[in-house]
Amino acid sequence: MVQSAAGSPSPTSFIYSAEIIFIFQWKPLLRMELVMHILGRLML
């Protein structure tokens, strides 16, 4: 399970998805790099 420092995973997940959507619209070329970065965070 993923534990956030604040103890509230919902806002954190929302912020992450907002950043993902923004980056996808801004720089689609970073998609793979971003996916690997987020997967790395989730597996910690």
C-alpha atoms as a PDB file:
ATOM      1  CA  MET A   1       0.000   0.000   0.000  1.00  0.00           C
ATOM      2  CA  VAL A   2       1.083   3.565  -0.616  1.00  0.00           C
ATOM      3  CA  GLN A   3       1.412   5.820   2.407  1.00  0.00           C
ATOM      4  CA  SER A   4       1.588   9.584   2.000  1.00  0.00           C
ATOM      5  CA  ALA A   5       3.338  11.814   4.511  1.00  0.00           C
ATOM      6  CA  ALA A   6       0.132  13.781   5.087  1.00  0.00           C
ATOM      7  CA  GLY A   7      -1.843  10.600   5.707  1.00  0.00           C
ATOM      8  CA  SER A   8      -4.469  11.514   3.089  1.00  0.00           C
ATOM      9  CA  PRO A   9      -3.884   9.677  -0.206  1.00  0.00           C
ATOM     10  CA  SER A  10      -6.958  11.085  -1.967  1.00  0.00           C
ATOM     11  CA  PRO A  11      -5.771  14.711  -2.460  1.00  0.00           C
ATOM     12  CA  THR A  12      -2.302  13.455  -3.370  1.00  0.00           C
ATOM     13  CA  SER A  13      -3.694  11.129  -6.026  1.00  0.00           C
ATOM     14  CA  PHE A  14      -5.850  13.952  -7.384  1.00  0.00           C
ATOM     15  CA  ILE A  15      -2.825  16.269  -7.640  1.00  0.00           C
ATOM     16  CA  TYR A  16      -0.816  13.538  -9.355  1.00  0.00           C
ATOM     17  CA  SER A  17      -3.548  12.923 -11.940  1.00  0.00           C
ATOM     18  CA  ALA A  18      -3.895  16.665 -12.537  1.00  0.00           C
ATOM     19  CA  GLU A  19      -0.152  16.921 -13.142  1.00  0.00           C
ATOM     20  CA  ILE A  20      -0.265  13.881 -15.436  1.00  0.00           C
ATOM     21  CA  ILE A  21      -3.073  15.376 -17.534  1.00  0.00           C
ATOM     22  CA  PHE A  22      -1.301  18.737 -17.712  1.00  0.00           C
ATOM     23  CA  ILE A  23       2.018  17.185 -18.751  1.00  0.00           C
ATOM     24  CA  PHE A  24       0.301  14.923 -21.297  1.00  0.00           C
ATOM     25  CA  GLN A  25      -1.244  17.996 -22.927  1.00  0.00           C
ATOM     26  CA  TRP A  26       1.945  20.029 -22.636  1.00  0.00           C
ATOM     27  CA  LYS A  27       4.676  17.549 -23.574  1.00  0.00           C
ATOM     28  CA  PRO A  28       3.403  14.192 -24.875  1.00  0.00           C
ATOM     29  CA  LEU A  29       7.005  13.102 -25.492  1.00  0.00           C
ATOM     30  CA  LEU A  30       7.565  12.858 -21.732  1.00  0.00           C
ATOM     31  CA  ARG A  31       4.764  10.300 -21.378  1.00  0.00           C
ATOM     32  CA  MET A  32       6.980   7.224 -21.002  1.00  0.00           C
ATOM     33  CA  GLU A  33       9.398   8.998 -18.678  1.00  0.00           C
ATOM     34  CA  LEU A  34       6.514  10.228 -16.535  1.00  0.00           C
ATOM     35  CA  VAL A  35       4.915   6.775 -16.366  1.00  0.00           C
ATOM     36  CA  MET A  36       8.182   5.212 -15.214  1.00  0.00           C
ATOM     37  CA  HIS A  37       8.645   7.970 -12.618  1.00  0.00           C
ATOM     38  CA  ILE A  38       5.158   7.486 -11.163  1.00  0.00           C
ATOM     39  CA  LEU A  39       5.491   3.699 -11.172  1.00  0.00           C
ATOM     40  CA  GLY A  40       8.735   4.140  -9.250  1.00  0.00           C
ATOM     41  CA  ARG A  41       6.983   6.305  -6.671  1.00  0.00           C
ATOM     42  CA  LEU A  42       4.090   3.866  -6.289  1.00  0.00           C
ATOM     43  CA  MET A  43       6.430   0.907  -5.758  1.00  0.00           C
ATOM     44  CA  LEU A  44       8.392   2.572  -2.939  1.00  0.00           C
END
